[in-house]
PDB file of N, CA and C in Angstrom:
ATOM      1  N   MET A   1      -0.188  32.724 -24.809  1.00  0.00           N
ATOM      2  CA  MET A   1      -0.012  31.423 -24.234  1.00  0.00           C
ATOM      3  C   MET A   1       1.465  31.149 -23.978  1.00  0.00           C
ATOM      4  N   SER A   2       1.790  30.640 -22.903  1.00  0.00           N
ATOM      5  CA  SER A   2       3.203  30.398 -22.549  1.00  0.00           C
ATOM      6  C   SER A   2       3.666  29.103 -23.274  1.00  0.00           C
ATOM      7  N   PRO A   3       4.948  28.969 -23.490  1.00  0.00           N
ATOM      8  CA  PRO A   3       5.476  27.802 -24.155  1.00  0.00           C
ATOM      9  C   PRO A   3       5.178  26.497 -23.398  1.00  0.00           C
ATOM     10  N   GLU A   4       5.103  26.558 -22.093  1.00  0.00           N
ATOM     11  CA  GLU A   4       4.741  25.373 -21.308  1.00  0.00           C
ATOM     12  C   GLU A   4       3.336  24.882 -21.606  1.00  0.00           C
ATOM     13  N   GLN A   5       2.415  25.835 -21.719  1.00  0.00           N
ATOM     14  CA  GLN A   5       1.018  25.479 -22.033  1.00  0.00           C
ATOM     15  C   GLN A   5       0.812  24.915 -23.423  1.00  0.00           C
ATOM     16  N   SER A   6       1.569  25.458 -24.378  1.00  0.00           N
ATOM     17  CA  SER A   6       1.334  25.030 -25.765  1.00  0.00           C
ATOM     18  C   SER A   6       1.904  23.598 -26.034  1.00  0.00           C
ATOM     19  N   SER A   7       2.811  23.136 -25.229  1.00  0.00           N
ATOM     20  CA  SER A   7       3.334  21.781 -25.403  1.00  0.00           C
ATOM     21  C   SER A   7       2.616  20.761 -24.585  1.00  0.00           C
ATOM     22  N   THR A   8       1.698  21.105 -23.767  1.00  0.00           N
ATOM     23  CA  THR A   8       0.941  20.170 -22.920  1.00  0.00           C
ATOM     24  C   THR A   8      -0.337  19.827 -23.667  1.00  0.00           C
ATOM     25  N   PRO A   9      -0.628  18.541 -23.875  1.00  0.00           N
ATOM     26  CA  PRO A   9      -1.796  18.134 -24.652  1.00  0.00           C
ATOM     27  C   PRO A   9      -3.066  18.388 -23.834  1.00  0.00           C
ATOM     28  N   LEU A  10      -4.135  18.688 -24.435  1.00  0.00           N
ATOM     29  CA  LEU A  10      -5.401  18.912 -23.809  1.00  0.00           C
ATOM     30  C   LEU A  10      -6.111  17.610 -23.456  1.00  0.00           C
ATOM     31  N   LEU A  11      -5.819  16.569 -24.288  1.00  0.00           N
ATOM     32  CA  LEU A  11      -6.402  15.283 -24.070  1.00  0.00           C
ATOM     33  C   LEU A  11      -5.320  14.193 -24.086  1.00  0.00           C
ATOM     34  N   VAL A  12      -5.494  13.125 -23.321  1.00  0.00           N
ATOM     35  CA  VAL A  12      -4.547  11.979 -23.360  1.00  0.00           C
ATOM     36  C   VAL A  12      -5.288  10.630 -23.399  1.00  0.00           C
ATOM     37  N   ALA A  13      -4.618   9.701 -23.952  1.00  0.00           N
ATOM     38  CA  ALA A  13      -5.185   8.307 -24.006  1.00  0.00           C
ATOM     39  C   ALA A  13      -5.261   7.719 -22.572  1.00  0.00           C
ATOM     40  N   PRO A  14      -6.082   6.712 -22.415  1.00  0.00           N
ATOM     41  CA  PRO A  14      -6.159   6.055 -21.094  1.00  0.00           C
ATOM     42  C   PRO A  14      -4.838   5.547 -20.605  1.00  0.00           C
ATOM     43  N   LYS A  15      -4.034   4.970 -21.446  1.00  0.00           N
ATOM     44  CA  LYS A  15      -2.741   4.440 -21.078  1.00  0.00           C
ATOM     45  C   LYS A  15      -1.804   5.564 -20.454  1.00  0.00           C
ATOM     46  N   ALA A  16      -1.854   6.709 -21.142  1.00  0.00           N
ATOM     47  CA  ALA A  16      -1.060   7.868 -20.645  1.00  0.00           C
ATOM     48  C   ALA A  16      -1.652   8.404 -19.360  1.00  0.00           C
ATOM     49  N   ALA A  17      -3.010   8.384 -19.219  1.00  0.00           N
ATOM     50  CA  ALA A  17      -3.622   8.875 -18.004  1.00  0.00           C
ATOM     51  C   ALA A  17      -3.255   7.988 -16.823  1.00  0.00           C
ATOM     52  N   CYS A  18      -3.121   6.639 -17.048  1.00  0.00           N
ATOM     53  CA  CYS A  18      -2.769   5.740 -16.032  1.00  0.00           C
ATOM     54  C   CYS A  18      -1.335   6.070 -15.498  1.00  0.00           C
ATOM     55  N   ALA A  19      -0.442   6.315 -16.476  1.00  0.00           N
ATOM     56  CA  ALA A  19       0.931   6.680 -16.165  1.00  0.00           C
ATOM     57  C   ALA A  19       0.999   7.928 -15.368  1.00  0.00           C
ATOM     58  N   LEU A  20       0.263   8.972 -15.828  1.00  0.00           N
ATOM     59  CA  LEU A  20       0.264  10.287 -15.159  1.00  0.00           C
ATOM     60  C   LEU A  20      -0.246  10.213 -13.739  1.00  0.00           C
ATOM     61  N   LEU A  21      -1.220   9.403 -13.497  1.00  0.00           N
ATOM     62  CA  LEU A  21      -1.825   9.306 -12.165  1.00  0.00           C
ATOM     63  C   LEU A  21      -1.250   8.132 -11.338  1.00  0.00           C
ATOM     64  N   SER A  22      -0.401   7.358 -11.920  1.00  0.00           N
ATOM     65  CA  SER A  22       0.235   6.168 -11.200  1.00  0.00           C
ATOM     66  C   SER A  22      -0.857   5.299 -10.664  1.00  0.00           C
ATOM     67  N   VAL A  23      -1.806   5.003 -11.545  1.00  0.00           N
ATOM     68  CA  VAL A  23      -2.904   4.033 -11.270  1.00  0.00           C
ATOM     69  C   VAL A  23      -2.985   2.963 -12.372  1.00  0.00           C
ATOM     70  N   GLY A  24      -3.682   1.923 -12.086  1.00  0.00           N
ATOM     71  CA  GLY A  24      -3.868   0.859 -13.075  1.00  0.00           C
ATOM     72  C   GLY A  24      -5.160   1.134 -13.882  1.00  0.00           C
ATOM     73  N   ASN A  25      -5.392   0.314 -14.874  1.00  0.00           N
ATOM     74  CA  ASN A  25      -6.497   0.450 -15.754  1.00  0.00           C
ATOM     75  C   ASN A  25      -7.841   0.387 -14.959  1.00  0.00           C
ATOM     76  N   THR A  26      -7.892  -0.557 -14.039  1.00  0.00           N
ATOM     77  CA  THR A  26      -9.152  -0.738 -13.298  1.00  0.00           C
ATOM     78  C   THR A  26      -9.472   0.553 -12.476  1.00  0.00           C
ATOM     79  N   LYS A  27      -8.486   1.112 -11.813  1.00  0.00           N
ATOM     80  CA  LYS A  27      -8.750   2.315 -11.057  1.00  0.00           C
ATOM     81  C   LYS A  27      -9.113   3.478 -11.913  1.00  0.00           C
ATOM     82  N   LEU A  28      -8.406   3.580 -13.129  1.00  0.00           N
ATOM     83  CA  LEU A  28      -8.731   4.662 -14.014  1.00  0.00           C
ATOM     84  C   LEU A  28     -10.167   4.590 -14.485  1.00  0.00           C
ATOM     85  N   TYR A  29     -10.662   3.409 -14.825  1.00  0.00           N
ATOM     86  CA  TYR A  29     -12.066   3.302 -15.318  1.00  0.00           C
ATOM     87  C   TYR A  29     -13.082   3.458 -14.112  1.00  0.00           C
ATOM     88  N   GLU A  30     -12.569   3.150 -12.920  1.00  0.00           N
ATOM     89  CA  GLU A  30     -13.438   3.377 -11.739  1.00  0.00           C
ATOM     90  C   GLU A  30     -13.603   4.884 -11.565  1.00  0.00           C
ATOM     91  N   LEU A  31     -12.510   5.686 -11.703  1.00  0.00           N
ATOM     92  CA  LEU A  31     -12.570   7.165 -11.656  1.00  0.00           C
ATOM     93  C   LEU A  31     -13.432   7.717 -12.695  1.00  0.00           C
ATOM     94  N   ILE A  32     -13.363   7.157 -13.913  1.00  0.00           N
ATOM     95  CA  ILE A  32     -14.238   7.627 -15.022  1.00  0.00           C
ATOM     96  C   ILE A  32     -15.709   7.280 -14.681  1.00  0.00           C
ATOM     97  N   GLY A  33     -15.971   6.112 -14.174  1.00  0.00           N
ATOM     98  CA  GLY A  33     -17.326   5.748 -13.804  1.00  0.00           C
ATOM     99  C   GLY A  33     -17.949   6.621 -12.680  1.00  0.00           C
ATOM    100  N   GLN A  34     -17.076   7.095 -11.813  1.00  0.00           N
ATOM    101  CA  GLN A  34     -17.493   7.988 -10.719  1.00  0.00           C
ATOM    102  C   GLN A  34     -17.552   9.496 -11.187  1.00  0.00           C
ATOM    103  N   LYS A  35     -17.289   9.701 -12.468  1.00  0.00           N
ATOM    104  CA  LYS A  35     -17.382  11.019 -13.078  1.00  0.00           C
ATOM    105  C   LYS A  35     -16.252  11.934 -12.455  1.00  0.00           C
ATOM    106  N   LYS A  36     -15.171  11.369 -11.961  1.00  0.00           N
ATOM    107  CA  LYS A  36     -14.070  12.163 -11.487  1.00  0.00           C
ATOM    108  C   LYS A  36     -13.087  12.545 -12.526  1.00  0.00           C
ATOM    109  N   LEU A  37     -13.135  11.853 -13.707  1.00  0.00           N
ATOM    110  CA  LEU A  37     -12.355  12.153 -14.853  1.00  0.00           C
ATOM    111  C   LEU A  37     -13.275  12.422 -15.976  1.00  0.00           C
ATOM    112  N   GLU A  38     -13.002  13.458 -16.724  1.00  0.00           N
ATOM    113  CA  GLU A  38     -13.843  13.855 -17.897  1.00  0.00           C
ATOM    114  C   GLU A  38     -13.284  13.136 -19.117  1.00  0.00           C
ATOM    115  N   VAL A  39     -14.221  12.432 -19.782  1.00  0.00           N
ATOM    116  CA  VAL A  39     -13.837  11.606 -20.965  1.00  0.00           C
ATOM    117  C   VAL A  39     -14.486  12.230 -22.197  1.00  0.00           C
ATOM    118  N   ILE A  40     -13.751  12.255 -23.317  1.00  0.00           N
ATOM    119  CA  ILE A  40     -14.298  12.565 -24.615  1.00  0.00           C
ATOM    120  C   ILE A  40     -14.071  11.418 -25.503  1.00  0.00           C
ATOM    121  N   LYS A  41     -15.120  11.058 -26.288  1.00  0.00           N
ATOM    122  CA  LYS A  41     -15.060   9.937 -27.209  1.00  0.00           C
ATOM    123  C   LYS A  41     -14.977  10.443 -28.627  1.00  0.00           C
ATOM    124  N   PHE A  42     -14.095   9.830 -29.408  1.00  0.00           N
ATOM    125  CA  PHE A  42     -13.975  10.143 -30.834  1.00  0.00           C
ATOM    126  C   PHE A  42     -14.139   8.768 -31.491  1.00  0.00           C
ATOM    127  N   GLY A  43     -15.387   8.411 -31.872  1.00  0.00           N
ATOM    128  CA  GLY A  43     -15.621   7.093 -32.384  1.00  0.00           C
ATOM    129  C   GLY A  43     -15.316   6.122 -31.297  1.00  0.00           C
ATOM    130  N   LYS A  44     -14.385   5.185 -31.565  1.00  0.00           N
ATOM    131  CA  LYS A  44     -13.975   4.207 -30.594  1.00  0.00           C
ATOM    132  C   LYS A  44     -12.895   4.697 -29.633  1.00  0.00           C
ATOM    133  N   ALA A  45     -12.239   5.778 -30.032  1.00  0.00           N
ATOM    134  CA  ALA A  45     -11.123   6.333 -29.253  1.00  0.00           C
ATOM    135  C   ALA A  45     -11.654   7.052 -27.987  1.00  0.00           C
ATOM    136  N   THR A  46     -11.065   6.785 -26.875  1.00  0.00           N
ATOM    137  CA  THR A  46     -11.365   7.440 -25.594  1.00  0.00           C
ATOM    138  C   THR A  46     -10.183   8.341 -25.246  1.00  0.00           C
ATOM    139  N   ARG A  47     -10.527   9.562 -24.842  1.00  0.00           N
ATOM    140  CA  ARG A  47      -9.469  10.476 -24.432  1.00  0.00           C
ATOM    141  C   ARG A  47      -9.946  11.125 -23.157  1.00  0.00           C
ATOM    142  N   ILE A  48      -8.984  11.453 -22.279  1.00  0.00           N
ATOM    143  CA  ILE A  48      -9.266  11.978 -20.975  1.00  0.00           C
ATOM    144  C   ILE A  48      -8.655  13.408 -20.917  1.00  0.00           C
ATOM    145  N   THR A  49      -9.428  14.359 -20.396  1.00  0.00           N
ATOM    146  CA  THR A  49      -8.920  15.742 -20.374  1.00  0.00           C
ATOM    147  C   THR A  49      -7.821  15.894 -19.313  1.00  0.00           C
ATOM    148  N   MET A  50      -6.831  16.690 -19.704  1.00  0.00           N
ATOM    149  CA  MET A  50      -5.717  16.960 -18.723  1.00  0.00           C
ATOM    150  C   MET A  50      -6.275  17.800 -17.551  1.00  0.00           C
ATOM    151  N   ALA A  51      -7.283  18.634 -17.767  1.00  0.00           N
ATOM    152  CA  ALA A  51      -7.836  19.367 -16.681  1.00  0.00           C
ATOM    153  C   ALA A  51      -8.396  18.508 -15.581  1.00  0.00           C
ATOM    154  N   SER A  52      -9.038  17.458 -15.974  1.00  0.00           N
ATOM    155  CA  SER A  52      -9.606  16.501 -14.907  1.00  0.00           C
ATOM    156  C   SER A  52      -8.469  15.695 -14.284  1.00  0.00           C
ATOM    157  N   ILE A  53      -7.426  15.353 -15.022  1.00  0.00           N
ATOM    158  CA  ILE A  53      -6.271  14.663 -14.403  1.00  0.00           C
ATOM    159  C   ILE A  53      -5.572  15.616 -13.470  1.00  0.00           C
ATOM    160  N   ARG A  54      -5.420  16.857 -13.807  1.00  0.00           N
ATOM    161  CA  ARG A  54      -4.764  17.821 -12.840  1.00  0.00           C
ATOM    162  C   ARG A  54      -5.618  17.966 -11.593  1.00  0.00           C
ATOM    163  N   ALA A  55      -6.943  18.025 -11.734  1.00  0.00           N
ATOM    164  CA  ALA A  55      -7.825  18.142 -10.617  1.00  0.00           C
ATOM    165  C   ALA A  55      -7.630  17.013  -9.577  1.00  0.00           C
ATOM    166  N   ILE A  56      -7.621  15.794 -10.083  1.00  0.00           N
ATOM    167  CA  ILE A  56      -7.385  14.644  -9.225  1.00  0.00           C
ATOM    168  C   ILE A  56      -6.004  14.647  -8.654  1.00  0.00           C
ATOM    169  N   ALA A  57      -5.000  14.914  -9.507  1.00  0.00           N
ATOM    170  CA  ALA A  57      -3.582  14.918  -8.981  1.00  0.00           C
ATOM    171  C   ALA A  57      -3.380  15.968  -7.937  1.00  0.00           C
ATOM    172  N   GLY A  58      -4.150  17.035  -8.028  1.00  0.00           N
ATOM    173  CA  GLY A  58      -4.003  18.151  -7.128  1.00  0.00           C
ATOM    174  C   GLY A  58      -4.692  17.904  -5.789  1.00  0.00           C
ATOM    175  N   GLY A  59      -5.315  16.777  -5.619  1.00  0.00           N
ATOM    176  CA  GLY A  59      -5.932  16.469  -4.379  1.00  0.00           C
ATOM    177  C   GLY A  59      -7.417  16.246  -4.423  1.00  0.00           C
ATOM    178  N   GLY A  60      -8.004  16.124  -5.620  1.00  0.00           N
ATOM    179  CA  GLY A  60      -9.415  15.977  -5.777  1.00  0.00           C
ATOM    180  C   GLY A  60      -9.884  14.678  -5.085  1.00  0.00           C
ATOM    181  N   ALA A  61      -9.540  13.523  -5.615  1.00  0.00           N
ATOM    182  CA  ALA A  61      -9.853  12.234  -5.006  1.00  0.00           C
ATOM    183  C   ALA A  61      -9.236  11.139  -5.856  1.00  0.00           C
ATOM    184  N   ALA A  62      -8.535  10.205  -5.214  1.00  0.00           N
ATOM    185  CA  ALA A  62      -7.961   9.118  -5.955  1.00  0.00           C
ATOM    186  C   ALA A  62      -7.927   7.883  -5.049  1.00  0.00           C
TER     187      ALA A  62
END
Protein backbone atom coordinates (compact mmCIF):
# COMPACT_ATOMS: atom_id res chain seq x y z
CA MET A 1 0.00 0.00 0.00
CA SER A 2 1.37 3.42 -0.89
CA PRO A 3 1.74 6.14 1.77
CA GLU A 4 -0.99 8.17 0.06
CA GLN A 5 -3.51 5.35 0.38
CA SER A 6 -2.73 4.63 4.02
CA SER A 7 -3.38 8.24 5.09
CA THR A 8 -6.75 8.49 3.31
CA PRO A 9 -9.71 7.45 5.47
CA LEU A 10 -12.07 4.79 4.14
CA LEU A 11 -15.08 6.46 5.75
CA VAL A 12 -15.94 10.08 6.51
CA ALA A 13 -18.63 11.85 8.52
CA PRO A 14 -21.43 13.65 6.66
CA LYS A 15 -19.94 17.06 7.49
CA ALA A 16 -16.61 16.06 5.92
CA ALA A 17 -18.41 14.58 2.89
CA CYS A 18 -20.21 17.90 2.37
CA ALA A 19 -16.87 19.71 2.40
CA LEU A 20 -15.24 17.20 0.03
CA LEU A 21 -18.10 17.44 -2.47
CA SER A 22 -18.76 21.17 -1.98
CA VAL A 23 -22.45 20.54 -1.32
CA GLY A 24 -24.79 21.33 1.52
CA ASN A 25 -26.43 18.94 3.95
CA THR A 26 -29.66 18.77 1.96
CA LYS A 27 -27.89 17.80 -1.29
CA LEU A 28 -25.75 15.25 0.56
CA TYR A 29 -28.77 13.48 2.00
CA GLU A 30 -30.50 13.70 -1.39
CA LEU A 31 -27.53 11.82 -2.91
CA ILE A 32 -27.72 9.27 -0.09
CA GLY A 33 -31.46 8.82 -0.72
CA GLN A 34 -30.77 8.28 -4.42
CA LYS A 35 -28.22 5.58 -3.46
CA LYS A 36 -25.43 7.55 -5.15
CA LEU A 37 -23.44 7.61 -1.91
CA GLU A 38 -22.79 4.47 0.10
CA VAL A 39 -23.54 4.86 3.79
CA ILE A 40 -22.46 2.72 6.72
CA LYS A 41 -24.16 3.11 10.10
CA PHE A 42 -22.47 2.48 13.44
CA GLY A 43 -25.30 2.83 15.93
CA LYS A 44 -26.33 6.47 15.54
CA ALA A 45 -23.16 7.43 13.67
CA THR A 46 -23.40 7.76 9.89
CA ARG A 47 -20.30 7.39 7.75
CA ILE A 48 -19.94 7.69 3.98
CA THR A 49 -17.44 5.66 1.98
CA MET A 50 -14.64 7.53 0.26
CA ALA A 51 -15.08 5.23 -2.75
CA SER A 52 -18.60 6.54 -3.34
CA ILE A 53 -17.44 10.14 -2.84
CA ARG A 54 -14.68 9.60 -5.41
CA ALA A 55 -17.20 8.09 -7.84
CA ILE A 56 -19.40 11.18 -7.65
CA ALA A 57 -16.49 13.63 -7.72
CA GLY A 58 -15.12 11.82 -10.76
CA GLY A 59 -18.25 12.59 -12.77
CA GLY A 60 -20.82 10.10 -11.48
CA ALA A 61 -23.68 12.52 -10.78
CA ALA A 62 -24.11 15.54 -8.55
